[in-house]
Amino acid sequence: MVLIILVINIVYVSFFTIRMILTMKGQRYLAAFISTIEVVIYVIGLGLVLDNLDQIQNLIAYALGYGLGVIVGMKIEEKLALGYITVNVITKEYDKDLPRLLREKGYGVTTWLAQGREGDRQSMQILTPRKYELRLYQTIQEIDPKAFIIAYEPKTIHGGFWVKSVRKGKLKV
């Protein structure tokens, strides 16, 4: 019984975590479908615990399963890597031509001149699917280990040529 409750709650909370992420990314129909499965699993797990409240190990298994479910759900979402990431990079290494090298790999790069505390810098904004995020960081750090990097997830993307290229599978990373 303890193992069943543990597994049920890991699965339930994993579904819950993924549903929340899908909801935040605007994928409402998939999130609604997952929530239907999620609530069935939840009712079964909770019912098992409530039917056996006199056994503390069931309550502990329920709580432990909840915590593990959060971790499992986050790992699943990390592997799915849904959406895009915007990476801002600031470098003083103009001579290494980082924007050109990144564009050759298929990344969309916009650059401009910036002023830092110690002088001129090149600032770049790079958009990439989340599944390529770590490769992008590695590429940047191989070329300029001292580059300043900030990343965030854009909520809305509209226009530009690059997103169409990515959807057609033309990114070469």
C-alpha atoms as a PDB file:
ATOM      1  CA  MET A   1       0.000   0.000   0.000  1.00  0.00           C
ATOM      2  CA  VAL A   2       2.805   2.441   0.918  1.00  0.00           C
ATOM      3  CA  LEU A   3       4.571   1.900  -2.418  1.00  0.00           C
ATOM      4  CA  ILE A   4       1.334   2.336  -4.366  1.00  0.00           C
ATOM      5  CA  ILE A   5       0.571   5.627  -2.595  1.00  0.00           C
ATOM      6  CA  LEU A   6       4.147   6.845  -3.174  1.00  0.00           C
ATOM      7  CA  VAL A   7       4.066   6.051  -6.910  1.00  0.00           C
ATOM      8  CA  ILE A   8       0.566   7.475  -7.394  1.00  0.00           C
ATOM      9  CA  ASN A   9       1.580  10.773  -5.823  1.00  0.00           C
ATOM     10  CA  ILE A  10       4.823  10.997  -7.812  1.00  0.00           C
ATOM     11  CA  VAL A  11       2.809  10.534 -11.009  1.00  0.00           C
ATOM     12  CA  TYR A  12       0.079  12.951  -9.897  1.00  0.00           C
ATOM     13  CA  VAL A  13       2.450  15.771  -8.955  1.00  0.00           C
ATOM     14  CA  SER A  14       4.531  15.221 -12.107  1.00  0.00           C
ATOM     15  CA  PHE A  15       1.364  15.713 -14.152  1.00  0.00           C
ATOM     16  CA  PHE A  16       0.494  18.748 -12.015  1.00  0.00           C
ATOM     17  CA  THR A  17       3.918  20.323 -12.615  1.00  0.00           C
ATOM     18  CA  ILE A  18       3.809  19.726 -16.356  1.00  0.00           C
ATOM     19  CA  ARG A  19       0.239  21.066 -16.553  1.00  0.00           C
ATOM     20  CA  MET A  20       1.261  24.269 -14.774  1.00  0.00           C
ATOM     21  CA  ILE A  21       4.180  24.786 -17.141  1.00  0.00           C
ATOM     22  CA  LEU A  22       1.991  24.154 -20.187  1.00  0.00           C
ATOM     23  CA  THR A  23      -0.583  26.602 -18.810  1.00  0.00           C
ATOM     24  CA  MET A  24       2.082  29.297 -18.391  1.00  0.00           C
ATOM     25  CA  LYS A  25       3.265  28.680 -21.951  1.00  0.00           C
ATOM     26  CA  GLY A  26      -0.260  29.123 -23.308  1.00  0.00           C
ATOM     27  CA  GLN A  27      -0.875  25.509 -24.345  1.00  0.00           C
ATOM     28  CA  ARG A  28      -4.341  25.427 -22.835  1.00  0.00           C
ATOM     29  CA  TYR A  29      -5.801  22.385 -24.604  1.00  0.00           C
ATOM     30  CA  LEU A  30      -2.904  20.090 -23.769  1.00  0.00           C
ATOM     31  CA  ALA A  31      -2.919  21.450 -20.201  1.00  0.00           C
ATOM     32  CA  ALA A  32      -6.658  20.736 -19.920  1.00  0.00           C
ATOM     33  CA  PHE A  33      -6.191  17.177 -21.189  1.00  0.00           C
ATOM     34  CA  ILE A  34      -3.371  16.536 -18.710  1.00  0.00           C
ATOM     35  CA  SER A  35      -5.444  17.997 -15.863  1.00  0.00           C
ATOM     36  CA  THR A  36      -8.195  15.468 -16.606  1.00  0.00           C
ATOM     37  CA  ILE A  37      -5.759  12.600 -16.087  1.00  0.00           C
ATOM     38  CA  GLU A  38      -4.165  14.398 -13.136  1.00  0.00           C
ATOM     39  CA  VAL A  39      -7.433  14.705 -11.181  1.00  0.00           C
ATOM     40  CA  VAL A  40      -8.252  11.012 -11.602  1.00  0.00           C
ATOM     41  CA  ILE A  41      -4.826  10.042 -10.240  1.00  0.00           C
ATOM     42  CA  TYR A  42      -5.213  12.562  -7.398  1.00  0.00           C
ATOM     43  CA  VAL A  43      -8.609  11.217  -6.289  1.00  0.00           C
ATOM     44  CA  ILE A  44      -7.349   7.617  -6.305  1.00  0.00           C
ATOM     45  CA  GLY A  45      -4.223   8.488  -4.280  1.00  0.00           C
ATOM     46  CA  LEU A  46      -6.025  10.674  -1.790  1.00  0.00           C
ATOM     47  CA  GLY A  47      -8.757   8.064  -1.390  1.00  0.00           C
ATOM     48  CA  LEU A  48      -6.182   5.416  -0.483  1.00  0.00           C
ATOM     49  CA  VAL A  49      -4.674   7.693   2.174  1.00  0.00           C
ATOM     50  CA  LEU A  50      -8.028   8.784   3.620  1.00  0.00           C
ATOM     51  CA  ASP A  51      -9.267   5.191   3.802  1.00  0.00           C
ATOM     52  CA  ASN A  52      -6.207   4.309   5.881  1.00  0.00           C
ATOM     53  CA  LEU A  53      -5.563   7.385   8.023  1.00  0.00           C
ATOM     54  CA  ASP A  54      -4.744   5.196  11.009  1.00  0.00           C
ATOM     55  CA  GLN A  55      -1.501   4.110   9.301  1.00  0.00           C
ATOM     56  CA  ILE A  56       1.049   6.937   9.488  1.00  0.00           C
ATOM     57  CA  GLN A  57       3.296   5.333   6.863  1.00  0.00           C
ATOM     58  CA  ASN A  58       0.613   6.008   4.237  1.00  0.00           C
ATOM     59  CA  LEU A  59       0.584   9.702   5.078  1.00  0.00           C
ATOM     60  CA  ILE A  60       4.387   9.802   4.984  1.00  0.00           C
ATOM     61  CA  ALA A  61       4.379   8.021   1.598  1.00  0.00           C
ATOM     62  CA  TYR A  62       1.846  10.567   0.317  1.00  0.00           C
ATOM     63  CA  ALA A  63       3.999  13.509   1.446  1.00  0.00           C
ATOM     64  CA  LEU A  64       7.228  11.967   0.155  1.00  0.00           C
ATOM     65  CA  GLY A  65       5.566  11.169  -3.170  1.00  0.00           C
ATOM     66  CA  TYR A  66       4.468  14.784  -3.441  1.00  0.00           C
ATOM     67  CA  GLY A  67       8.016  16.080  -2.993  1.00  0.00           C
ATOM     68  CA  LEU A  68       9.497  13.534  -5.388  1.00  0.00           C
ATOM     69  CA  GLY A  69       6.750  14.318  -7.901  1.00  0.00           C
ATOM     70  CA  VAL A  70       7.847  17.955  -8.032  1.00  0.00           C
ATOM     71  CA  ILE A  71      11.402  16.870  -8.848  1.00  0.00           C
ATOM     72  CA  VAL A  72      10.288  14.304 -11.445  1.00  0.00           C
ATOM     73  CA  GLY A  73       7.907  16.808 -13.081  1.00  0.00           C
ATOM     74  CA  MET A  74      10.654  19.414 -13.335  1.00  0.00           C
ATOM     75  CA  LYS A  75      13.060  16.864 -14.852  1.00  0.00           C
ATOM     76  CA  ILE A  76      10.448  15.870 -17.437  1.00  0.00           C
ATOM     77  CA  GLU A  77       9.836  19.518 -18.346  1.00  0.00           C
ATOM     78  CA  GLU A  78      13.591  20.079 -18.582  1.00  0.00           C
ATOM     79  CA  LYS A  79      13.852  17.202 -21.071  1.00  0.00           C
ATOM     80  CA  LEU A  80      10.878  18.473 -23.082  1.00  0.00           C
ATOM     81  CA  ALA A  81      12.463  21.969 -23.175  1.00  0.00           C
ATOM     82  CA  LEU A  82       9.346  23.659 -24.524  1.00  0.00           C
ATOM     83  CA  GLY A  83       9.474  27.129 -26.021  1.00  0.00           C
ATOM     84  CA  TYR A  84      12.269  29.572 -26.688  1.00  0.00           C
ATOM     85  CA  ILE A  85      14.908  31.346 -24.665  1.00  0.00           C
ATOM     86  CA  THR A  86      16.325  34.808 -25.245  1.00  0.00           C
ATOM     87  CA  VAL A  87      19.970  35.199 -24.335  1.00  0.00           C
ATOM     88  CA  ASN A  88      21.637  38.588 -23.923  1.00  0.00           C
ATOM     89  CA  VAL A  89      25.412  38.489 -24.239  1.00  0.00           C
ATOM     90  CA  ILE A  90      27.841  41.317 -23.578  1.00  0.00           C
ATOM     91  CA  THR A  91      31.429  40.931 -24.755  1.00  0.00           C
ATOM     92  CA  LYS A  92      34.462  43.132 -25.300  1.00  0.00           C
ATOM     93  CA  GLU A  93      35.933  40.641 -27.780  1.00  0.00           C
ATOM     94  CA  TYR A  94      35.015  42.300 -31.103  1.00  0.00           C
ATOM     95  CA  ASP A  95      37.866  40.655 -32.989  1.00  0.00           C
ATOM     96  CA  LYS A  96      36.508  37.126 -32.420  1.00  0.00           C
ATOM     97  CA  ASP A  97      33.329  37.978 -34.391  1.00  0.00           C
ATOM     98  CA  LEU A  98      31.003  36.035 -32.125  1.00  0.00           C
ATOM     99  CA  PRO A  99      27.807  37.197 -33.921  1.00  0.00           C
ATOM    100  CA  ARG A 100      29.015  35.825 -37.275  1.00  0.00           C
ATOM    101  CA  LEU A 101      30.047  32.481 -35.746  1.00  0.00           C
ATOM    102  CA  LEU A 102      26.663  32.140 -34.011  1.00  0.00           C
ATOM    103  CA  ARG A 103      24.771  33.060 -37.197  1.00  0.00           C
ATOM    104  CA  GLU A 104      26.737  30.395 -39.105  1.00  0.00           C
ATOM    105  CA  LYS A 105      25.386  27.875 -36.600  1.00  0.00           C
ATOM    106  CA  GLY A 106      21.851  29.084 -37.326  1.00  0.00           C
ATOM    107  CA  TYR A 107      21.156  31.296 -34.317  1.00  0.00           C
ATOM    108  CA  GLY A 108      19.273  34.566 -34.760  1.00  0.00           C
ATOM    109  CA  VAL A 109      21.589  37.307 -33.479  1.00  0.00           C
ATOM    110  CA  THR A 110      20.981  41.043 -33.192  1.00  0.00           C
ATOM    111  CA  THR A 111      23.956  43.174 -32.147  1.00  0.00           C
ATOM    112  CA  TRP A 112      24.634  46.742 -31.069  1.00  0.00           C
ATOM    113  CA  LEU A 113      27.398  48.803 -29.527  1.00  0.00           C
ATOM    114  CA  ALA A 114      27.136  49.273 -25.770  1.00  0.00           C
ATOM    115  CA  GLN A 115      29.079  51.174 -23.124  1.00  0.00           C
ATOM    116  CA  GLY A 116      30.300  49.372 -20.009  1.00  0.00           C
ATOM    117  CA  ARG A 117      32.138  50.676 -16.963  1.00  0.00           C
ATOM    118  CA  GLU A 118      35.451  49.854 -18.618  1.00  0.00           C
ATOM    119  CA  GLY A 119      34.662  50.980 -22.161  1.00  0.00           C
ATOM    120  CA  ASP A 120      33.048  49.767 -25.365  1.00  0.00           C
ATOM    121  CA  ARG A 121      31.242  46.460 -25.467  1.00  0.00           C
ATOM    122  CA  GLN A 122      29.314  44.527 -28.047  1.00  0.00           C
ATOM    123  CA  SER A 123      25.845  43.523 -26.918  1.00  0.00           C
ATOM    124  CA  MET A 124      23.935  40.692 -28.560  1.00  0.00           C
ATOM    125  CA  GLN A 125      20.435  39.356 -28.282  1.00  0.00           C
ATOM    126  CA  ILE A 126      20.055  35.734 -29.342  1.00  0.00           C
ATOM    127  CA  LEU A 127      16.832  33.762 -29.683  1.00  0.00           C
ATOM    128  CA  THR A 128      16.981  29.953 -29.590  1.00  0.00           C
ATOM    129  CA  PRO A 129      14.740  26.986 -28.833  1.00  0.00           C
ATOM    130  CA  ARG A 130      15.231  25.934 -25.198  1.00  0.00           C
ATOM    131  CA  LYS A 131      16.506  22.529 -26.293  1.00  0.00           C
ATOM    132  CA  TYR A 132      19.618  24.269 -27.704  1.00  0.00           C
ATOM    133  CA  GLU A 133      20.178  26.575 -24.719  1.00  0.00           C
ATOM    134  CA  LEU A 134      23.119  24.686 -23.184  1.00  0.00           C
ATOM    135  CA  ARG A 135      24.849  24.285 -26.557  1.00  0.00           C
ATOM    136  CA  LEU A 136      24.546  28.027 -27.086  1.00  0.00           C
ATOM    137  CA  TYR A 137      26.189  28.743 -23.712  1.00  0.00           C
ATOM    138  CA  GLN A 138      29.006  26.305 -24.512  1.00  0.00           C
ATOM    139  CA  THR A 139      29.606  27.909 -27.908  1.00  0.00           C
ATOM    140  CA  ILE A 140      29.710  31.402 -26.418  1.00  0.00           C
ATOM    141  CA  GLN A 141      32.053  30.378 -23.592  1.00  0.00           C
ATOM    142  CA  GLU A 142      34.411  28.558 -25.990  1.00  0.00           C
ATOM    143  CA  ILE A 143      34.804  31.789 -27.976  1.00  0.00           C
ATOM    144  CA  ASP A 144      34.707  34.228 -25.042  1.00  0.00           C
ATOM    145  CA  PRO A 145      34.953  32.672 -21.556  1.00  0.00           C
ATOM    146  CA  LYS A 146      34.496  36.146 -19.995  1.00  0.00           C
ATOM    147  CA  ALA A 147      31.250  36.956 -21.810  1.00  0.00           C
ATOM    148  CA  PHE A 148      28.433  38.239 -19.603  1.00  0.00           C
ATOM    149  CA  ILE A 149      25.312  36.154 -20.264  1.00  0.00           C
ATOM    150  CA  ILE A 150      21.713  36.703 -19.138  1.00  0.00           C
ATOM    151  CA  ALA A 151      18.854  34.466 -20.277  1.00  0.00           C
ATOM    152  CA  TYR A 152      15.081  34.691 -19.986  1.00  0.00           C
ATOM    153  CA  GLU A 153      12.000  33.191 -21.599  1.00  0.00           C
ATOM    154  CA  PRO A 154      10.064  35.519 -23.883  1.00  0.00           C
ATOM    155  CA  LYS A 155       6.312  35.396 -23.435  1.00  0.00           C
ATOM    156  CA  THR A 156       5.441  36.445 -26.974  1.00  0.00           C
ATOM    157  CA  ILE A 157       7.363  36.255 -30.244  1.00  0.00           C
ATOM    158  CA  HIS A 158       6.049  38.017 -33.327  1.00  0.00           C
ATOM    159  CA  GLY A 159       7.677  38.699 -36.674  1.00  0.00           C
ATOM    160  CA  GLY A 160      11.206  38.201 -37.888  1.00  0.00           C
ATOM    161  CA  PHE A 161      12.631  35.621 -40.244  1.00  0.00           C
ATOM    162  CA  TRP A 162      14.379  33.441 -37.711  1.00  0.00           C
ATOM    163  CA  VAL A 163      11.407  31.693 -36.028  1.00  0.00           C
ATOM    164  CA  LYS A 164      10.168  30.510 -39.447  1.00  0.00           C
ATOM    165  CA  SER A 165      13.611  29.032 -40.163  1.00  0.00           C
ATOM    166  CA  VAL A 166      13.678  27.194 -36.834  1.00  0.00           C
ATOM    167  CA  ARG A 167      10.207  25.737 -37.399  1.00  0.00           C
ATOM    168  CA  LYS A 168      11.439  24.420 -40.768  1.00  0.00           C
ATOM    169  CA  GLY A 169      14.400  22.738 -39.025  1.00  0.00           C
ATOM    170  CA  LYS A 170      17.144  24.979 -40.431  1.00  0.00           C
ATOM    171  CA  LEU A 171      19.027  25.530 -37.155  1.00  0.00           C
ATOM    172  CA  LYS A 172      22.487  23.880 -37.473  1.00  0.00           C
ATOM    173  CA  VAL A 173      23.464  23.550 -33.822  1.00  0.00           C
END
